[in-house]
């Protein structure tokens, strides 16, 4: 509507101009009047144009203001929604940052704790390494001394015996002289039925120590061969000491204790014929682990023998108990019969005998009543003062 008014005004002005021009052509005399009219029309057109432009501008500004207001409100709502979304996102990010910060603090504490534990473990490992080095040096000194080596072997054997639950004087005897041969094994294990099993713990380790210490390959092979030869010589020496003697009630085998698993494994890996030769001579080479297994078998055999012996005693006691139980049952049956007889007699007393007595008493009462005899009341007894 705002754009239609100027258009109509323009059309009217054009029609007027055409009309005036026609009149001017017919009447040239009135040029001056026409000129004046034209000037007035120009002024009117200018005024009308300015008014129309002003109105159009006002309408446009009003429409623009309304549109701007609507857009502003819409923008404010949209901005408010975006602000809420941004605030929510910021809250979520803030929470996540706090979680990350807490996690970092936790990691830092855990790192400090783990670092402290690691430092303590490294310190402990260093101390243990130092102790191990000291123990290794002591062990090297022990292995190089035959007397100390024998004491070390006995100590290892005693540890295994203690672990297996053996007690000296009950399950085994230590360095007891054999009466028939005057020899003295390191350990004598007591078996069922008076049997015995002897064990020697002295073992040659000099060349084995040399084998470990030397780095020259040819020297190593030489020490290895000499060590295996020492083992065979030790086996033969044990067989000549009469550790297997029927007069002493020993079993047909003797134990030779090797106080180190590594040495035992080295013998098995280097020359299997050593073990075969030992078994051929009724000598059993045993490490701490195999000795424990042998002792477990001995312990089980002793327990089984004692159980068998105890079972025989239990069976004998059960026979005596059975005899006494039969006598007990006979006495109980006899007592039961006597109780039955007493019960029968009791029933007879409480029925037949009682009825007869009550009948006699009733007759006496009737006779008393017929005679008019009163019932005598018992005189009270005087209370005696002490």
Protein backbone atom coordinates (compact mmCIF):
# COMPACT_ATOMS: atom_id res chain seq x y z
CA UNK A 1 0.00 0.00 0.00
CA UNK A 2 2.86 2.35 0.79
CA UNK A 3 4.33 1.87 -2.72
CA UNK A 4 0.95 2.24 -4.55
CA UNK A 5 0.27 5.88 -3.48
CA UNK A 6 3.37 7.39 -5.16
CA UNK A 7 2.59 5.46 -8.33
CA UNK A 8 -0.96 6.83 -8.50
CA UNK A 9 0.29 10.34 -7.85
CA UNK A 10 2.80 10.00 -10.66
CA UNK A 11 0.11 8.80 -13.06
CA UNK A 12 -2.17 11.72 -12.16
CA UNK A 13 0.65 14.17 -12.68
CA UNK A 14 1.46 12.71 -16.09
CA UNK A 15 -2.21 12.94 -17.16
CA UNK A 16 -2.33 16.58 -16.05
CA UNK A 17 0.85 17.34 -17.91
CA UNK A 18 -0.52 15.79 -21.07
CA UNK A 19 -3.74 17.73 -20.70
CA UNK A 20 -1.91 20.99 -20.17
CA UNK A 21 0.40 20.38 -23.05
CA UNK A 22 -2.63 19.85 -25.31
CA UNK A 23 -4.14 23.07 -24.23
CA UNK A 24 -0.89 24.87 -24.67
CA UNK A 25 -0.62 23.60 -28.21
CA UNK A 26 -4.08 24.95 -28.92
CA UNK A 27 -3.51 28.10 -27.08
CA UNK A 28 -0.02 29.36 -27.53
CA UNK A 29 -1.11 32.58 -26.06
CA UNK A 30 -1.31 31.12 -22.67
CA UNK A 31 2.31 29.92 -22.56
CA UNK A 32 3.09 32.03 -19.61
CA UNK A 33 0.10 30.69 -17.70
CA UNK A 34 1.13 27.22 -18.65
CA UNK A 35 4.60 27.93 -17.49
CA UNK A 36 3.25 29.10 -14.20
CA UNK A 37 1.01 26.06 -13.92
CA UNK A 38 3.95 23.85 -14.68
CA UNK A 39 5.95 25.53 -11.99
CA UNK A 40 3.13 25.04 -9.54
CA UNK A 41 2.77 21.42 -10.59
CA UNK A 42 6.46 20.96 -10.10
CA UNK A 43 6.19 22.40 -6.65
CA UNK A 44 3.14 20.24 -5.94
CA UNK A 45 4.85 17.15 -7.33
CA UNK A 46 7.93 17.91 -5.26
CA UNK A 47 5.82 18.37 -2.14
CA UNK A 48 3.78 15.24 -2.83
CA UNK A 49 6.96 13.26 -3.51
CA UNK A 50 8.51 14.47 -0.29
CA UNK A 51 5.36 13.60 1.66
CA UNK A 52 5.13 10.20 0.01
CA UNK A 53 8.82 9.61 0.61
CA UNK A 54 8.46 10.69 4.22
CA UNK A 55 5.46 8.43 4.74
CA UNK A 56 7.23 5.56 2.98
CA UNK A 57 10.30 6.17 5.10
CA UNK A 58 8.24 6.19 8.29
CA UNK A 59 6.42 3.03 7.23
CA UNK A 60 9.71 1.42 6.28
CA UNK A 61 11.31 2.45 9.57
CA UNK A 62 8.28 1.21 11.49
CA UNK A 63 8.36 -2.08 9.61
CA UNK A 64 12.10 -2.25 10.09
CA UNK A 65 11.71 -1.55 13.82
CA UNK A 66 9.01 -4.19 14.15
CA UNK A 67 11.08 -6.70 12.19
CA UNK A 68 14.17 -5.76 14.19
CA UNK A 69 12.22 -6.16 17.43
CA UNK A 70 10.96 -9.57 16.35
CA UNK A 71 14.42 -10.60 15.20
CA UNK A 72 15.92 -9.20 18.39
CA UNK A 73 13.51 -11.18 20.57
CA UNK A 74 14.13 -14.28 18.48
CA UNK A 75 17.87 -13.65 18.67
CA UNK A 76 17.65 -13.11 22.42
CA UNK A 77 15.78 -16.40 22.83
CA UNK A 78 18.27 -18.18 20.59
CA UNK A 79 21.17 -16.56 22.43
CA UNK A 80 19.59 -17.54 25.76
CA UNK A 81 19.27 -21.15 24.57
CA UNK A 82 22.83 -21.13 23.28
CA UNK A 83 23.93 -19.57 26.57
CA UNK A 84 22.27 -22.38 28.50
CA UNK A 85 23.90 -24.95 26.21
CA UNK A 86 27.24 -23.22 26.62
CA UNK A 87 26.75 -23.08 30.41
CA UNK A 88 25.87 -26.79 30.45
CA UNK A 89 28.88 -27.58 28.30
CA UNK A 90 31.06 -25.46 30.56
CA UNK A 91 29.68 -27.24 33.64
CA UNK A 92 30.37 -30.60 32.03
CA UNK A 93 33.85 -29.49 31.01
CA UNK A 94 34.42 -28.13 34.52
CA UNK A 95 33.36 -31.44 36.05
CA UNK A 96 35.51 -33.37 33.60
CA UNK A 97 38.44 -31.08 34.36
CA UNK A 98 37.90 -31.67 38.08
CA UNK A 99 37.77 -35.43 37.45
CA UNK A 100 40.94 -35.21 35.38
CA UNK A 101 42.56 -33.12 38.10
CA UNK A 102 41.54 -35.63 40.77
CA UNK A 103 42.78 -38.47 38.57
CA UNK A 104 46.09 -36.68 38.08
CA UNK A 105 46.35 -36.19 41.85
CA UNK A 106 45.57 -39.87 42.37
CA UNK A 107 48.18 -40.85 39.80
CA UNK A 108 50.65 -38.53 41.46
CA UNK A 109 50.01 -40.06 44.89
CA UNK A 110 50.16 -43.56 43.43
CA UNK A 111 53.37 -42.65 41.61
CA UNK A 112 54.89 -41.33 44.81
CA UNK A 113 53.76 -44.46 46.66
CA UNK A 114 55.04 -46.78 43.92
CA UNK A 115 58.27 -44.84 43.73
CA UNK A 116 58.68 -45.17 47.48
CA UNK A 117 57.92 -48.89 47.31
CA UNK A 118 60.32 -49.28 44.40
CA UNK A 119 63.02 -47.45 46.32
CA UNK A 120 62.39 -49.69 49.33
CA UNK A 121 62.46 -52.79 47.12
CA UNK A 122 65.67 -51.67 45.45
CA UNK A 123 67.19 -51.03 48.85
CA UNK A 124 66.01 -54.44 50.07
CA UNK A 125 67.30 -56.07 46.88
CA UNK A 126 70.67 -54.40 47.39
CA UNK A 127 70.75 -55.65 50.98
CA UNK A 128 69.71 -59.15 49.92
CA UNK A 129 72.34 -59.11 47.17
CA UNK A 130 74.95 -58.16 49.71
CA UNK A 131 73.81 -60.93 52.05
CA UNK A 132 73.74 -63.37 49.14
CA UNK A 133 77.25 -62.38 48.17
CA UNK A 134 78.34 -62.87 51.77
CA UNK A 135 76.57 -66.24 51.90
CA UNK A 136 78.17 -67.23 48.60
CA UNK A 137 81.61 -66.40 49.94
CA UNK A 138 80.90 -68.35 53.11
CA UNK A 139 79.59 -71.27 51.06
CA UNK A 140 82.71 -71.21 48.90
CA UNK A 141 84.82 -71.32 52.05
CA UNK A 142 82.70 -74.18 53.40
CA UNK A 143 82.97 -76.18 50.21
CA UNK A 144 86.73 -75.73 50.13
CA UNK A 145 87.10 -77.13 53.67
CA UNK A 146 86.43 -80.90 53.98
CA UNK A 147 85.50 -80.70 57.68
CA UNK A 148 83.20 -77.72 57.19
CA UNK A 149 81.75 -79.43 54.13
CA UNK A 150 80.83 -82.47 56.22
CA UNK A 151 79.17 -80.26 58.85
CA UNK A 152 77.26 -78.45 56.10
CA UNK A 153 76.03 -81.78 54.70
CA UNK A 154 74.87 -82.86 58.17
CA UNK A 155 73.07 -79.55 58.65
CA UNK A 156 71.24 -79.94 55.34
CA UNK A 157 70.30 -83.52 56.20
CA UNK A 158 68.97 -82.46 59.60
CA UNK A 159 66.84 -79.76 57.97
CA UNK A 160 65.29 -82.36 55.66
CA UNK A 161 64.73 -84.75 58.58
CA UNK A 162 63.05 -82.02 60.59
CA UNK A 163 60.87 -81.13 57.63
CA UNK A 164 59.84 -84.77 57.23
CA UNK A 165 58.84 -84.93 60.91
CA UNK A 166 61.63 -87.27 62.07
CA UNK A 167 62.82 -87.14 65.68
CA UNK A 168 66.24 -88.27 66.85
CA UNK A 169 66.08 -91.29 69.13
CA UNK A 170 62.62 -92.25 67.81
CA UNK A 171 62.88 -92.30 64.04
CA UNK A 172 66.66 -92.22 63.59
CA UNK A 173 70.01 -92.35 65.37
CA UNK A 174 72.99 -90.16 64.61
CA UNK A 175 76.55 -91.51 64.29
CA UNK A 176 75.86 -94.66 66.27
CA UNK A 177 78.61 -97.28 66.10
CA UNK A 178 77.54 -100.61 64.59
CA UNK A 179 78.35 -103.42 67.05
CA UNK A 180 79.18 -106.08 64.47
CA UNK A 181 81.52 -104.00 62.29
CA UNK A 182 82.54 -101.05 64.53
CA UNK A 183 81.68 -98.67 61.68
CA UNK A 184 79.77 -95.46 62.32
CA UNK A 185 77.31 -94.24 59.69
CA UNK A 186 76.21 -90.61 59.85
CA UNK A 187 72.52 -91.52 60.20
CA UNK A 188 70.67 -94.76 60.93
CA UNK A 189 66.92 -94.82 60.25
CA UNK A 190 64.81 -97.16 62.40
CA UNK A 191 62.36 -99.24 60.34
CA UNK A 192 59.56 -101.62 61.39
CA UNK A 193 60.41 -105.10 62.70
CA UNK A 194 63.86 -103.96 63.87
CA UNK A 195 65.22 -103.17 60.40
CA UNK A 196 67.65 -100.29 59.81
CA UNK A 197 68.71 -98.07 56.90
CA UNK A 198 72.10 -96.31 57.00
CA UNK A 199 73.00 -93.01 55.31
CA UNK A 200 76.33 -91.25 54.71
CA UNK A 201 76.39 -87.47 54.13
CA UNK A 202 80.09 -86.92 53.30
CA UNK A 203 80.47 -86.12 49.60
CA UNK A 204 83.50 -84.99 47.52
CA UNK A 205 82.96 -81.47 46.14
CA UNK A 206 86.50 -80.06 45.68
CA UNK A 207 86.70 -80.67 41.94
CA UNK A 208 83.11 -79.49 41.46
CA UNK A 209 84.01 -76.15 43.10
CA UNK A 210 87.07 -75.94 40.84
CA UNK A 211 84.82 -76.65 37.86
CA UNK A 212 82.60 -73.72 38.79
CA UNK A 213 85.45 -71.30 39.45
CA UNK A 214 87.61 -71.96 36.38
CA UNK A 215 86.82 -70.29 33.04
CA UNK A 216 89.17 -72.30 30.85
CA UNK A 217 87.18 -74.90 28.86
CA UNK A 218 89.86 -77.57 28.90
CA UNK A 219 90.38 -77.03 32.61
CA UNK A 220 86.61 -77.28 33.13
CA UNK A 221 86.47 -80.64 31.36
CA UNK A 222 89.38 -81.86 33.43
CA UNK A 223 87.70 -80.83 36.71
CA UNK A 224 84.42 -82.36 35.54
CA UNK A 225 86.04 -85.73 34.77
CA UNK A 226 87.88 -85.70 38.08
CA UNK A 227 84.67 -84.87 39.97
CA UNK A 228 82.78 -87.78 38.37
CA UNK A 229 85.71 -90.03 39.24
CA UNK A 230 85.53 -88.81 42.85
CA UNK A 231 81.82 -89.70 42.92
CA UNK A 232 82.49 -93.25 41.71
CA UNK A 233 85.27 -93.62 44.26
CA UNK A 234 82.92 -92.43 47.00
CA UNK A 235 80.33 -95.02 45.98
CA UNK A 236 82.92 -97.80 46.17
CA UNK A 237 84.14 -96.51 49.54
CA UNK A 238 80.63 -96.66 51.00
CA UNK A 239 80.17 -100.26 49.86
CA UNK A 240 83.30 -101.29 51.78
CA UNK A 241 82.12 -99.89 55.12
CA UNK A 242 79.63 -102.66 55.88
CA UNK A 243 76.69 -100.26 55.99
CA UNK A 244 74.75 -103.22 54.57
CA UNK A 245 75.01 -105.96 57.19
CA UNK A 246 72.39 -108.66 57.94
CA UNK A 247 73.78 -109.04 61.47
CA UNK A 248 72.76 -105.44 62.18
CA UNK A 249 69.35 -106.06 60.55
CA UNK A 250 70.02 -103.49 57.83
CA UNK A 251 68.15 -103.39 54.54
CA UNK A 252 69.95 -104.20 51.28
CA UNK A 253 70.57 -100.54 50.36
CA UNK A 254 72.51 -97.60 51.75
CA UNK A 255 71.85 -93.89 51.16
CA UNK A 256 74.50 -91.37 50.09
CA UNK A 257 73.27 -87.82 50.60
CA UNK A 258 74.27 -85.08 48.12
CA UNK A 259 73.52 -81.83 49.99
CA UNK A 260 72.83 -79.74 46.88
CA UNK A 261 70.23 -80.12 44.11
CA UNK A 262 72.51 -78.49 41.55
CA UNK A 263 75.30 -80.98 42.22
CA UNK A 264 72.82 -83.88 42.00
CA UNK A 265 71.45 -82.57 38.68
CA UNK A 266 75.00 -82.03 37.38
CA UNK A 267 75.83 -85.69 38.04
CA UNK A 268 72.64 -86.88 36.32
CA UNK A 269 73.27 -84.68 33.26
CA UNK A 270 77.00 -85.34 32.97
CA UNK A 271 77.09 -89.14 33.32
CA UNK A 272 74.00 -91.29 33.81
CA UNK A 273 76.17 -94.35 34.28
CA UNK A 274 77.14 -93.03 37.74
CA UNK A 275 73.61 -93.63 39.03
CA UNK A 276 73.43 -97.02 37.32
CA UNK A 277 76.73 -98.05 38.89
CA UNK A 278 75.53 -96.86 42.30
CA UNK A 279 72.29 -98.87 42.08
CA UNK A 280 74.27 -101.90 40.95
CA UNK A 281 76.25 -101.60 44.20
CA UNK A 282 72.98 -101.05 46.18
CA UNK A 283 73.83 -97.40 46.81
CA UNK A 284 71.10 -94.78 46.37
CA UNK A 285 72.27 -91.25 45.59
CA UNK A 286 69.75 -88.75 46.93
CA UNK A 287 69.43 -84.98 46.87
CA UNK A 288 67.46 -83.01 49.50
CA UNK A 289 64.25 -83.47 47.50
CA UNK A 290 64.69 -87.19 46.85
CA UNK A 291 65.75 -87.73 50.47
CA UNK A 292 62.52 -86.10 51.59
CA UNK A 293 60.57 -88.45 49.30
CA UNK A 294 62.41 -91.49 50.70
CA UNK A 295 61.80 -90.34 54.27
CA UNK A 296 58.11 -89.83 53.49
CA UNK A 297 57.91 -93.43 52.26
CA UNK A 298 59.73 -94.65 55.40
CA UNK A 299 57.38 -92.62 57.58
CA UNK A 300 54.34 -94.06 55.80
CA UNK A 301 55.70 -97.60 56.12
CA UNK A 302 56.27 -97.12 59.86
CA UNK A 303 52.77 -95.69 60.28
CA UNK A 304 51.23 -98.57 58.32
CA UNK A 305 53.14 -101.12 60.40
CA UNK A 306 52.06 -99.46 63.64
CA UNK A 307 48.50 -99.32 62.35
CA UNK A 308 48.60 -103.00 61.47
CA UNK A 309 50.01 -103.83 64.88
CA UNK A 310 47.43 -101.66 66.58
CA UNK A 311 44.67 -103.20 64.46
CA UNK A 312 45.62 -106.68 65.73
CA UNK A 313 45.44 -105.43 69.31
CA UNK A 314 42.09 -103.80 68.58
CA UNK A 315 40.75 -107.07 67.15
CA UNK A 316 41.91 -108.92 70.27
CA UNK A 317 40.20 -106.36 72.48
CA UNK A 318 37.06 -106.62 70.35
CA UNK A 319 37.04 -110.40 70.99
CA UNK A 320 37.24 -109.86 74.75
CA UNK A 321 34.57 -107.17 74.50
CA UNK A 322 32.28 -109.56 72.58
CA UNK A 323 32.64 -112.18 75.31
CA UNK A 324 31.82 -109.70 78.05
CA UNK A 325 28.92 -108.35 76.00
CA UNK A 326 27.37 -111.83 75.75
CA UNK A 327 27.65 -112.26 79.54
CA UNK A 328 26.09 -108.84 79.98
CA UNK A 329 23.17 -109.78 77.71
CA UNK A 330 22.59 -113.04 79.65
CA UNK A 331 22.53 -111.15 82.95
CA UNK A 332 20.15 -108.58 81.48
CA UNK A 333 17.81 -111.34 80.25
CA UNK A 334 17.87 -113.00 83.69
CA UNK A 335 17.14 -109.68 85.38
CA UNK A 336 14.32 -109.06 82.91
CA UNK A 337 12.71 -112.39 83.77
CA UNK A 338 12.96 -111.62 87.49
CA UNK A 339 11.43 -108.19 86.91
CA UNK A 340 8.56 -109.83 85.02
CA UNK A 341 7.99 -112.26 87.92
CA UNK A 342 8.06 -109.40 90.42
CA UNK A 343 5.62 -107.42 88.27
CA UNK A 344 3.26 -110.42 88.13
CA UNK A 345 3.42 -110.83 91.90
CA UNK A 346 2.85 -107.08 92.33
CA UNK A 347 -0.27 -107.22 90.16
CA UNK A 348 -1.49 -110.21 92.22
CA UNK A 349 -0.98 -108.24 95.44
CA UNK A 350 -2.74 -105.12 94.15
CA UNK A 351 -5.72 -107.01 92.79
CA UNK A 352 -6.66 -110.35 94.42
CA UNK A 353 -4.97 -109.88 97.81
CA UNK A 354 -6.14 -106.29 98.07
CA UNK A 355 -9.74 -107.20 97.27
CA UNK A 356 -9.73 -109.95 99.91
CA UNK A 357 -8.33 -107.58 102.54
CA UNK A 358 -10.85 -104.88 101.67
CA UNK A 359 -13.67 -107.46 101.91
CA UNK A 360 -12.54 -108.49 105.42
CA UNK A 361 -12.28 -104.85 106.48
CA UNK A 362 -15.79 -104.19 105.21
CA UNK A 363 -17.18 -107.09 107.28
CA UNK A 364 -15.40 -105.76 110.36
CA UNK A 365 -16.85 -102.30 109.76
CA UNK A 366 -20.38 -103.73 109.42
CA UNK A 367 -19.95 -105.69 112.66
CA UNK A 368 -18.74 -102.53 114.49
CA UNK A 369 -21.69 -100.56 113.29
CA UNK A 370 -24.11 -103.33 114.41
CA UNK A 371 -22.56 -103.35 117.91
CA UNK A 372 -22.56 -99.55 118.11
CA UNK A 373 -18.88 -99.36 118.84
CA UNK A 374 -17.43 -95.94 118.19
CA UNK A 375 -14.15 -95.44 116.41
CA UNK A 376 -11.39 -94.64 118.87
CA UNK A 377 -9.50 -91.45 117.97
CA UNK A 378 -5.75 -91.57 118.41
CA UNK A 379 -4.44 -89.60 121.40
CA UNK A 380 -2.09 -86.79 120.50
CA UNK A 381 1.45 -87.43 121.46
CA UNK A 382 3.05 -85.03 123.89
CA UNK A 383 5.85 -82.95 122.47
CA UNK A 384 9.01 -83.75 124.31
CA UNK A 385 11.14 -80.79 125.16
CA UNK A 386 14.78 -81.34 125.09
